[in-house]
N, C-alpha and C. Protein backbone atom coordinates (compact mmCIF):
# COMPACT_ATOMS: atom_id res chain seq x y z
N MET A 1 127.37 82.49 111.19
CA MET A 1 127.38 83.36 110.02
C MET A 1 126.01 83.39 109.35
N ASN A 2 125.33 82.23 109.27
CA ASN A 2 124.02 82.17 108.64
C ASN A 2 123.00 83.03 109.36
N TYR A 3 123.08 83.05 110.69
CA TYR A 3 122.10 83.81 111.44
C TYR A 3 122.27 85.31 111.22
N PHE A 4 123.50 85.76 110.98
CA PHE A 4 123.74 87.17 110.66
C PHE A 4 123.11 87.51 109.32
N ILE A 5 123.31 86.65 108.32
CA ILE A 5 122.74 86.89 106.99
C ILE A 5 121.22 86.89 107.06
N ILE A 6 120.67 85.91 107.75
CA ILE A 6 119.21 85.82 107.87
C ILE A 6 118.66 87.03 108.60
N SER A 7 119.27 87.39 109.71
CA SER A 7 118.80 88.54 110.49
C SER A 7 118.89 89.82 109.68
N PHE A 8 119.99 90.00 108.96
CA PHE A 8 120.17 91.20 108.15
C PHE A 8 119.11 91.27 107.04
N MET A 9 118.90 90.16 106.33
CA MET A 9 117.92 90.14 105.25
C MET A 9 116.51 90.39 105.78
N ILE A 10 116.18 89.79 106.91
CA ILE A 10 114.84 89.96 107.46
C ILE A 10 114.63 91.40 107.91
N ILE A 11 115.61 91.96 108.58
CA ILE A 11 115.47 93.34 109.07
C ILE A 11 115.35 94.32 107.91
N VAL A 12 116.19 94.17 106.88
CA VAL A 12 116.17 95.09 105.74
C VAL A 12 114.86 94.97 104.97
N THR A 13 114.45 93.76 104.65
CA THR A 13 113.22 93.60 103.87
C THR A 13 111.99 94.03 104.68
N PHE A 14 111.96 93.73 105.96
CA PHE A 14 110.82 94.12 106.78
C PHE A 14 110.76 95.64 106.93
N ALA A 15 111.90 96.27 107.17
CA ALA A 15 111.92 97.74 107.31
C ALA A 15 111.51 98.42 106.00
N ALA A 16 112.02 97.94 104.88
CA ALA A 16 111.64 98.53 103.59
C ALA A 16 110.16 98.31 103.31
N GLY A 17 109.64 97.14 103.65
CA GLY A 17 108.22 96.87 103.46
C GLY A 17 107.35 97.76 104.32
N ILE A 18 107.75 97.97 105.56
CA ILE A 18 106.99 98.85 106.46
C ILE A 18 107.02 100.29 105.95
N ILE A 19 108.16 100.74 105.45
CA ILE A 19 108.25 102.10 104.89
C ILE A 19 107.32 102.23 103.69
N CYS A 20 107.29 101.23 102.82
CA CYS A 20 106.39 101.27 101.66
C CYS A 20 104.93 101.29 102.09
N LEU A 21 104.57 100.46 103.05
CA LEU A 21 103.19 100.44 103.52
C LEU A 21 102.80 101.74 104.21
N ALA A 22 103.74 102.34 104.96
CA ALA A 22 103.46 103.64 105.57
C ALA A 22 103.25 104.71 104.50
N SER A 23 104.02 104.65 103.43
CA SER A 23 103.83 105.58 102.33
C SER A 23 102.49 105.38 101.66
N VAL A 24 102.09 104.13 101.50
CA VAL A 24 100.78 103.83 100.91
C VAL A 24 99.67 104.40 101.78
N ILE A 25 99.75 104.20 103.07
CA ILE A 25 98.72 104.71 103.99
C ILE A 25 98.67 106.24 103.93
N ARG A 26 99.83 106.88 103.90
CA ARG A 26 99.87 108.34 103.83
C ARG A 26 99.27 108.85 102.51
N LEU A 27 99.60 108.18 101.39
CA LEU A 27 99.06 108.59 100.10
C LEU A 27 97.55 108.36 100.02
N VAL A 28 97.07 107.27 100.58
CA VAL A 28 95.63 107.00 100.57
C VAL A 28 94.89 108.04 101.41
N ARG A 29 95.43 108.39 102.56
CA ARG A 29 94.81 109.44 103.39
C ARG A 29 94.76 110.77 102.65
N ARG A 30 95.85 111.08 101.94
CA ARG A 30 95.89 112.33 101.18
C ARG A 30 94.87 112.30 100.04
N GLN A 31 94.71 111.15 99.40
CA GLN A 31 93.73 111.05 98.32
C GLN A 31 92.31 111.15 98.86
N ILE A 32 92.07 110.63 100.05
CA ILE A 32 90.74 110.77 100.67
C ILE A 32 90.46 112.24 100.95
N LYS A 33 91.46 112.98 101.43
CA LYS A 33 91.26 114.42 101.65
C LYS A 33 90.98 115.13 100.33
N LEU A 34 91.66 114.72 99.26
CA LEU A 34 91.43 115.33 97.96
C LEU A 34 90.02 115.04 97.47
N ILE A 35 89.57 113.82 97.64
CA ILE A 35 88.22 113.45 97.19
C ILE A 35 87.17 114.24 97.97
N ASN A 36 87.41 114.51 99.25
CA ASN A 36 86.46 115.26 100.07
C ASN A 36 86.57 116.76 99.88
N SER A 37 87.59 117.23 99.16
CA SER A 37 87.75 118.66 98.90
C SER A 37 87.04 119.03 97.59
N ILE A 38 86.84 120.30 97.43
CA ILE A 38 86.27 120.80 96.18
C ILE A 38 87.43 121.06 95.22
N MET A 39 87.45 120.32 94.12
CA MET A 39 88.52 120.47 93.14
C MET A 39 88.22 121.67 92.25
N LEU A 40 89.16 122.63 92.25
CA LEU A 40 88.98 123.79 91.40
C LEU A 40 89.46 123.50 89.98
N VAL A 41 90.63 122.88 89.88
CA VAL A 41 91.19 122.50 88.59
C VAL A 41 91.79 121.11 88.74
N GLU A 42 91.40 120.19 87.86
CA GLU A 42 91.97 118.86 87.90
C GLU A 42 93.24 118.82 87.06
N LEU A 43 94.29 118.23 87.62
CA LEU A 43 95.57 118.09 86.93
C LEU A 43 95.83 116.62 86.66
N LYS A 44 96.54 116.34 85.59
CA LYS A 44 96.86 114.95 85.25
C LYS A 44 98.35 114.84 85.02
N SER A 45 98.87 113.65 85.28
CA SER A 45 100.29 113.40 85.02
C SER A 45 100.43 112.05 84.34
N GLY A 46 101.54 111.88 83.64
CA GLY A 46 101.81 110.60 82.98
C GLY A 46 102.12 109.53 84.01
N LYS A 47 101.41 108.42 83.94
CA LYS A 47 101.57 107.39 84.96
C LYS A 47 101.89 106.03 84.38
N TRP A 48 102.24 105.97 83.12
CA TRP A 48 102.51 104.68 82.50
C TRP A 48 103.72 103.99 83.12
N HIS A 49 104.68 104.76 83.61
CA HIS A 49 105.89 104.16 84.19
C HIS A 49 105.57 103.39 85.48
N TYR A 50 104.54 103.77 86.20
CA TYR A 50 104.15 103.00 87.38
C TYR A 50 103.67 101.60 87.00
N MET A 51 102.96 101.50 85.87
CA MET A 51 102.51 100.18 85.43
C MET A 51 103.68 99.34 84.92
N VAL A 52 104.69 99.97 84.33
CA VAL A 52 105.88 99.22 83.91
C VAL A 52 106.59 98.66 85.13
N PHE A 53 106.77 99.48 86.16
CA PHE A 53 107.40 99.00 87.40
C PHE A 53 106.53 97.93 88.07
N PHE A 54 105.20 98.11 87.99
CA PHE A 54 104.29 97.11 88.55
C PHE A 54 104.47 95.77 87.83
N ALA A 55 104.64 95.82 86.51
CA ALA A 55 104.83 94.58 85.75
C ALA A 55 106.12 93.87 86.16
N PHE A 56 107.20 94.63 86.32
CA PHE A 56 108.45 94.03 86.78
C PHE A 56 108.30 93.45 88.19
N GLY A 57 107.60 94.18 89.04
CA GLY A 57 107.36 93.68 90.39
C GLY A 57 106.49 92.44 90.40
N PHE A 58 105.53 92.38 89.48
CA PHE A 58 104.67 91.21 89.41
C PHE A 58 105.46 89.97 88.98
N VAL A 59 106.41 90.17 88.06
CA VAL A 59 107.27 89.06 87.66
C VAL A 59 108.13 88.61 88.84
N ALA A 60 108.66 89.55 89.59
CA ALA A 60 109.44 89.20 90.79
C ALA A 60 108.56 88.48 91.81
N PHE A 61 107.31 88.92 91.94
CA PHE A 61 106.37 88.27 92.85
C PHE A 61 106.15 86.81 92.43
N LEU A 62 105.91 86.59 91.14
CA LEU A 62 105.69 85.23 90.66
C LEU A 62 106.91 84.34 90.86
N VAL A 63 108.10 84.88 90.57
CA VAL A 63 109.33 84.10 90.75
C VAL A 63 109.51 83.72 92.22
N THR A 64 109.23 84.67 93.12
CA THR A 64 109.37 84.39 94.55
C THR A 64 108.34 83.36 95.02
N VAL A 65 107.12 83.48 94.55
CA VAL A 65 106.10 82.50 94.93
C VAL A 65 106.47 81.12 94.39
N PHE A 66 106.92 81.07 93.14
CA PHE A 66 107.32 79.78 92.57
C PHE A 66 108.54 79.20 93.28
N ALA A 67 109.42 80.07 93.76
CA ALA A 67 110.57 79.58 94.53
C ALA A 67 110.12 79.01 95.87
N LEU A 68 109.13 79.65 96.49
CA LEU A 68 108.61 79.14 97.76
C LEU A 68 107.88 77.81 97.57
N VAL A 69 107.15 77.70 96.47
CA VAL A 69 106.39 76.48 96.22
C VAL A 69 107.31 75.35 95.76
N GLY A 70 108.38 75.70 95.05
CA GLY A 70 109.32 74.68 94.61
C GLY A 70 109.39 74.52 93.11
N ILE A 71 108.66 75.36 92.36
CA ILE A 71 108.70 75.25 90.90
C ILE A 71 109.99 75.85 90.36
N PHE A 72 110.27 77.13 90.70
CA PHE A 72 111.56 77.74 90.38
C PHE A 72 112.41 77.64 91.63
N ASP A 73 113.19 76.62 91.74
CA ASP A 73 113.95 76.46 92.97
C ASP A 73 115.43 76.78 92.80
N SER A 74 115.79 77.53 91.73
CA SER A 74 117.21 77.88 91.57
C SER A 74 117.67 78.83 92.67
N GLU A 75 116.81 79.78 93.07
CA GLU A 75 117.17 80.67 94.18
C GLU A 75 117.27 79.88 95.48
N PHE A 76 116.34 78.96 95.63
CA PHE A 76 116.34 78.12 96.81
C PHE A 76 117.63 77.32 96.89
N ILE A 77 118.03 76.70 95.77
CA ILE A 77 119.25 75.88 95.73
C ILE A 77 120.49 76.74 95.93
N THR A 78 120.50 77.94 95.35
CA THR A 78 121.66 78.83 95.50
C THR A 78 121.87 79.20 96.97
N LEU A 79 120.81 79.61 97.63
CA LEU A 79 120.93 79.95 99.05
C LEU A 79 121.26 78.72 99.88
N TYR A 80 120.68 77.60 99.50
CA TYR A 80 120.89 76.37 100.25
C TYR A 80 122.35 75.90 100.14
N LYS A 81 122.89 75.95 98.93
CA LYS A 81 124.25 75.44 98.72
C LYS A 81 125.31 76.47 99.07
N ALA A 82 125.14 77.72 98.62
CA ALA A 82 126.18 78.73 98.81
C ALA A 82 126.37 79.09 100.28
N PHE A 83 125.27 79.19 101.01
CA PHE A 83 125.36 79.62 102.41
C PHE A 83 125.09 78.48 103.38
N ALA A 84 124.86 77.29 102.87
CA ALA A 84 124.60 76.10 103.69
C ALA A 84 123.43 76.35 104.66
N MET A 85 122.36 76.95 104.11
CA MET A 85 121.19 77.25 104.93
C MET A 85 120.22 76.09 104.90
N PRO A 86 119.59 75.82 106.01
CA PRO A 86 118.50 74.83 106.00
C PRO A 86 117.30 75.38 105.22
N ALA A 87 116.41 74.50 104.85
CA ALA A 87 115.25 74.89 104.03
C ALA A 87 114.38 75.92 104.73
N TRP A 88 114.18 75.81 106.04
CA TRP A 88 113.30 76.75 106.73
C TRP A 88 113.87 78.16 106.73
N GLN A 89 115.20 78.30 106.73
CA GLN A 89 115.81 79.63 106.69
C GLN A 89 115.64 80.26 105.31
N VAL A 90 115.79 79.47 104.28
CA VAL A 90 115.60 79.98 102.92
C VAL A 90 114.14 80.39 102.73
N GLN A 91 113.22 79.58 103.22
CA GLN A 91 111.80 79.93 103.11
C GLN A 91 111.46 81.18 103.91
N LEU A 92 112.10 81.37 105.03
CA LEU A 92 111.88 82.58 105.83
C LEU A 92 112.36 83.82 105.08
N ILE A 93 113.53 83.73 104.48
CA ILE A 93 114.05 84.88 103.71
C ILE A 93 113.15 85.17 102.51
N LEU A 94 112.74 84.13 101.79
CA LEU A 94 111.88 84.34 100.63
C LEU A 94 110.50 84.87 101.05
N SER A 95 110.03 84.49 102.22
CA SER A 95 108.74 85.01 102.70
C SER A 95 108.83 86.50 102.99
N PHE A 96 109.90 86.93 103.62
CA PHE A 96 110.05 88.36 103.88
C PHE A 96 110.29 89.14 102.58
N LEU A 97 110.96 88.53 101.62
CA LEU A 97 111.13 89.15 100.31
C LEU A 97 109.78 89.29 99.61
N LEU A 98 108.94 88.30 99.76
CA LEU A 98 107.59 88.35 99.19
C LEU A 98 106.78 89.47 99.84
N PHE A 99 106.92 89.65 101.15
CA PHE A 99 106.25 90.76 101.85
C PHE A 99 106.70 92.10 101.28
N LEU A 100 108.00 92.25 101.04
CA LEU A 100 108.51 93.50 100.47
C LEU A 100 107.96 93.74 99.07
N ILE A 101 107.93 92.72 98.26
CA ILE A 101 107.44 92.87 96.89
C ILE A 101 105.96 93.26 96.89
N VAL A 102 105.16 92.65 97.75
CA VAL A 102 103.74 92.99 97.83
C VAL A 102 103.56 94.44 98.29
N ALA A 103 104.36 94.89 99.24
CA ALA A 103 104.27 96.27 99.71
C ALA A 103 104.62 97.26 98.59
N VAL A 104 105.64 96.95 97.83
CA VAL A 104 106.02 97.82 96.71
C VAL A 104 104.94 97.82 95.63
N GLU A 105 104.33 96.67 95.39
CA GLU A 105 103.26 96.60 94.40
C GLU A 105 102.07 97.45 94.83
N PHE A 106 101.72 97.43 96.11
CA PHE A 106 100.65 98.30 96.61
C PHE A 106 100.99 99.77 96.38
N LEU A 107 102.25 100.13 96.59
CA LEU A 107 102.67 101.52 96.38
C LEU A 107 102.50 101.92 94.91
N PHE A 108 102.89 101.06 93.99
CA PHE A 108 102.73 101.37 92.56
C PHE A 108 101.26 101.49 92.17
N ILE A 109 100.41 100.65 92.73
CA ILE A 109 98.98 100.72 92.42
C ILE A 109 98.39 102.04 92.92
N VAL A 110 98.74 102.43 94.14
CA VAL A 110 98.22 103.69 94.69
C VAL A 110 98.74 104.88 93.89
N LEU A 111 100.01 104.86 93.51
CA LEU A 111 100.56 105.97 92.71
C LEU A 111 99.90 106.04 91.34
N TYR A 112 99.57 104.89 90.77
CA TYR A 112 98.92 104.90 89.46
C TYR A 112 97.53 105.52 89.52
N PHE A 113 96.77 105.22 90.56
CA PHE A 113 95.41 105.73 90.66
C PHE A 113 95.30 107.07 91.37
N ALA A 114 96.41 107.61 91.86
CA ALA A 114 96.38 108.89 92.58
C ALA A 114 96.01 110.03 91.63
N LYS A 115 95.20 110.93 92.14
CA LYS A 115 94.76 112.09 91.36
C LYS A 115 95.54 113.32 91.79
N SER A 116 95.59 114.29 90.90
CA SER A 116 96.21 115.57 91.19
C SER A 116 95.18 116.66 90.91
N ALA A 117 95.17 117.69 91.76
CA ALA A 117 94.20 118.76 91.57
C ALA A 117 94.61 119.99 92.36
N VAL A 118 94.05 121.11 91.95
CA VAL A 118 94.20 122.36 92.69
C VAL A 118 92.93 122.54 93.51
N VAL A 119 93.12 122.74 94.81
CA VAL A 119 92.00 123.01 95.70
C VAL A 119 92.23 124.39 96.31
N ASP A 120 91.30 124.84 97.14
CA ASP A 120 91.42 126.19 97.68
C ASP A 120 92.60 126.36 98.64
N LYS A 121 93.04 125.29 99.29
CA LYS A 121 94.13 125.40 100.26
C LYS A 121 95.51 125.09 99.68
N GLY A 122 95.56 124.54 98.49
CA GLY A 122 96.85 124.19 97.90
C GLY A 122 96.69 123.30 96.69
N ILE A 123 97.75 122.52 96.42
CA ILE A 123 97.79 121.68 95.24
C ILE A 123 98.15 120.26 95.66
N TYR A 124 97.35 119.32 95.24
CA TYR A 124 97.63 117.90 95.47
C TYR A 124 98.30 117.36 94.21
N THR A 125 99.47 116.76 94.38
CA THR A 125 100.09 116.01 93.30
C THR A 125 100.05 114.54 93.70
N ALA A 126 100.50 113.68 92.79
CA ALA A 126 100.44 112.24 93.09
C ALA A 126 101.29 111.89 94.30
N LEU A 127 102.41 112.57 94.48
CA LEU A 127 103.33 112.21 95.55
C LEU A 127 103.20 113.05 96.81
N ASN A 128 102.74 114.29 96.70
CA ASN A 128 102.67 115.10 97.91
C ASN A 128 101.61 116.20 97.79
N TYR A 129 101.45 116.93 98.87
CA TYR A 129 100.53 118.05 98.93
C TYR A 129 101.35 119.32 99.08
N LEU A 130 101.06 120.29 98.26
CA LEU A 130 101.77 121.57 98.32
C LEU A 130 100.82 122.64 98.84
N ASP A 131 101.11 123.14 100.01
CA ASP A 131 100.36 124.28 100.53
C ASP A 131 100.79 125.50 99.71
N TRP A 132 99.98 126.54 99.70
CA TRP A 132 100.33 127.71 98.89
C TRP A 132 101.66 128.31 99.32
N TYR A 133 102.03 128.12 100.57
CA TYR A 133 103.30 128.66 101.04
C TYR A 133 104.49 127.88 100.50
N HIS A 134 104.26 126.67 100.01
CA HIS A 134 105.34 125.88 99.45
C HIS A 134 105.58 126.16 97.97
N VAL A 135 104.61 126.75 97.31
CA VAL A 135 104.73 127.03 95.88
C VAL A 135 105.34 128.41 95.71
N HIS A 136 106.51 128.45 95.09
CA HIS A 136 107.20 129.74 94.91
C HIS A 136 107.05 130.31 93.51
N ASP A 137 106.91 129.46 92.52
CA ASP A 137 106.78 129.94 91.15
C ASP A 137 106.13 128.85 90.31
N TYR A 138 105.72 129.20 89.12
CA TYR A 138 105.10 128.24 88.22
C TYR A 138 105.35 128.65 86.77
N ILE A 139 105.26 127.66 85.90
CA ILE A 139 105.34 127.88 84.46
C ILE A 139 104.16 127.16 83.83
N ILE A 140 103.46 127.86 82.96
CA ILE A 140 102.34 127.25 82.25
C ILE A 140 102.63 127.33 80.76
N ASP A 141 102.64 126.19 80.10
CA ASP A 141 102.75 126.13 78.64
C ASP A 141 101.33 125.97 78.11
N GLU A 142 100.80 127.05 77.53
CA GLU A 142 99.40 127.04 77.11
C GLU A 142 99.18 126.17 75.89
N HIS A 143 100.18 126.03 75.03
CA HIS A 143 100.00 125.24 73.81
C HIS A 143 99.93 123.75 74.12
N LYS A 144 100.76 123.30 75.05
CA LYS A 144 100.77 121.88 75.41
C LYS A 144 99.83 121.58 76.57
N GLY A 145 99.39 122.60 77.28
CA GLY A 145 98.51 122.40 78.43
C GLY A 145 99.25 121.77 79.60
N VAL A 146 100.46 122.29 79.90
CA VAL A 146 101.31 121.73 80.94
C VAL A 146 101.66 122.82 81.95
N VAL A 147 101.62 122.46 83.22
CA VAL A 147 102.04 123.36 84.29
C VAL A 147 103.12 122.66 85.10
N ILE A 148 104.15 123.42 85.46
CA ILE A 148 105.22 122.93 86.32
C ILE A 148 105.34 123.91 87.47
N LEU A 149 105.33 123.37 88.69
CA LEU A 149 105.41 124.19 89.89
C LEU A 149 106.78 124.05 90.52
N SER A 150 107.25 125.12 91.14
CA SER A 150 108.53 125.09 91.83
C SER A 150 108.31 125.32 93.31
N THR A 151 108.88 124.44 94.14
CA THR A 151 108.78 124.58 95.58
C THR A 151 110.07 125.11 96.18
N SER A 152 111.05 125.38 95.34
CA SER A 152 112.34 125.88 95.81
C SER A 152 112.35 127.40 95.77
N LYS A 153 113.03 128.01 96.73
CA LYS A 153 113.14 129.47 96.73
C LYS A 153 114.02 129.97 95.59
N ASP A 154 114.85 129.07 95.04
CA ASP A 154 115.66 129.42 93.87
C ASP A 154 114.85 129.28 92.59
N THR A 155 113.58 129.10 92.70
CA THR A 155 112.60 128.87 91.64
C THR A 155 113.10 127.79 90.68
N PHE A 156 113.30 128.12 89.43
CA PHE A 156 113.63 127.09 88.44
C PHE A 156 115.12 126.99 88.16
N ASN A 157 115.96 127.52 89.04
CA ASN A 157 117.41 127.38 88.87
C ASN A 157 117.87 125.95 89.15
N THR A 158 117.12 125.22 89.93
CA THR A 158 117.45 123.82 90.23
C THR A 158 116.24 122.96 89.91
N ILE A 159 116.49 121.70 89.64
CA ILE A 159 115.40 120.77 89.36
C ILE A 159 114.88 120.15 90.66
N ARG A 160 115.58 120.39 91.74
CA ARG A 160 115.27 119.76 93.03
C ARG A 160 113.84 120.03 93.49
N GLY A 161 113.37 121.23 93.37
CA GLY A 161 112.07 121.57 93.93
C GLY A 161 110.95 121.67 92.92
N THR A 162 111.13 121.09 91.74
CA THR A 162 110.08 121.19 90.72
C THR A 162 109.22 119.93 90.71
N THR A 163 107.98 120.11 90.37
CA THR A 163 107.08 118.97 90.24
C THR A 163 107.23 118.39 88.84
N THR A 164 106.70 117.21 88.66
CA THR A 164 106.65 116.65 87.32
C THR A 164 105.67 117.48 86.50
N PRO A 165 105.82 117.49 85.20
CA PRO A 165 104.85 118.24 84.38
C PRO A 165 103.44 117.69 84.57
N LEU A 166 102.54 118.58 84.91
CA LEU A 166 101.15 118.21 85.14
C LEU A 166 100.31 118.78 83.99
N ARG A 167 99.49 117.93 83.40
CA ARG A 167 98.65 118.37 82.29
C ARG A 167 97.37 119.00 82.82
N VAL A 168 96.96 120.01 82.12
CA VAL A 168 95.71 120.70 82.43
C VAL A 168 94.98 120.92 81.12
N THR A 169 93.66 120.81 81.14
CA THR A 169 92.92 121.03 79.90
C THR A 169 93.02 122.49 79.51
N LYS A 170 92.92 122.74 78.22
CA LYS A 170 93.08 124.11 77.72
C LYS A 170 91.96 125.02 78.20
N GLU A 171 90.81 124.45 78.50
CA GLU A 171 89.70 125.27 79.02
C GLU A 171 89.97 125.72 80.45
N ASP A 172 90.76 124.95 81.20
CA ASP A 172 91.03 125.28 82.60
C ASP A 172 92.26 126.15 82.80
N ILE A 173 93.00 126.45 81.75
CA ILE A 173 94.23 127.25 81.89
C ILE A 173 93.93 128.65 82.42
N PRO A 174 92.94 129.39 81.91
CA PRO A 174 92.65 130.71 82.50
C PRO A 174 92.27 130.63 83.98
N LYS A 175 91.48 129.62 84.33
CA LYS A 175 91.08 129.44 85.72
C LYS A 175 92.30 129.14 86.59
N LEU A 176 93.21 128.29 86.09
CA LEU A 176 94.43 127.96 86.83
C LEU A 176 95.31 129.19 86.99
N LYS A 177 95.45 129.99 85.94
CA LYS A 177 96.25 131.22 86.03
C LYS A 177 95.66 132.17 87.07
N PHE A 178 94.34 132.29 87.08
CA PHE A 178 93.68 133.16 88.05
C PHE A 178 93.96 132.68 89.48
N ILE A 179 93.83 131.38 89.71
CA ILE A 179 94.05 130.84 91.05
C ILE A 179 95.50 131.04 91.48
N LEU A 180 96.44 130.75 90.57
CA LEU A 180 97.86 130.90 90.93
C LEU A 180 98.22 132.37 91.15
N ASN A 181 97.70 133.27 90.32
CA ASN A 181 97.98 134.71 90.52
C ASN A 181 97.31 135.24 91.78
N LYS A 182 96.13 134.71 92.12
CA LYS A 182 95.43 135.14 93.33
C LYS A 182 96.23 134.80 94.58
N ASN A 183 96.91 133.67 94.55
CA ASN A 183 97.68 133.24 95.69
C ASN A 183 99.16 133.60 95.58
N LYS A 184 99.50 134.47 94.65
CA LYS A 184 100.89 134.84 94.42
C LYS A 184 101.52 135.54 95.63
N ASN A 185 100.76 136.26 96.41
CA ASN A 185 101.31 136.92 97.59
C ASN A 185 101.75 135.91 98.63
N LYS A 186 101.23 134.70 98.57
CA LYS A 186 101.61 133.67 99.52
C LYS A 186 102.88 132.95 99.11
N PHE A 187 103.31 133.11 97.85
CA PHE A 187 104.47 132.38 97.33
C PHE A 187 105.76 132.80 98.02
N SER A 188 105.88 134.06 98.37
CA SER A 188 107.17 134.56 98.87
C SER A 188 107.35 134.36 100.37
N ALA A 189 106.45 133.69 101.03
CA ALA A 189 106.52 133.52 102.47
C ALA A 189 107.68 132.62 102.86
């Protein structure tokens, strides 16, 4: 029974960690393309929530490290007593959990530092790249300096295909409107 639990925990944590690291690599590559592109309009988004999640993850990281070292050994004792696991099995599970936490922390760091911008071929947001063919509609609030893009063909009838509100400086709003209107014929593709 213990080997099933250990195998399941290792497989799940390792797979989730690999998915997070693959996402980090993809986001870093996208950011490198953005840095090498000519930014027509820079967009900003609220990113404070990534640092809040990073702080929670850092606490989990510290607890896991302390459990491995033996300072906080309540998790160690719980796994040891409840599942009758030897010490090396508990340390193996905690090590793979530590790998997952580090991978998630890297993802939060990359998302926090990711830039958003409009380039000639499309729009880079923190999470993805939108080619002009993916953008179907947009809303610009000139007073707040906010733009929201829709990637759904139902435009703003659903929240599924909308981006997070992206801030734009008030000086760049006419330029952004011109770029979006210029590429409007590509929206209906």
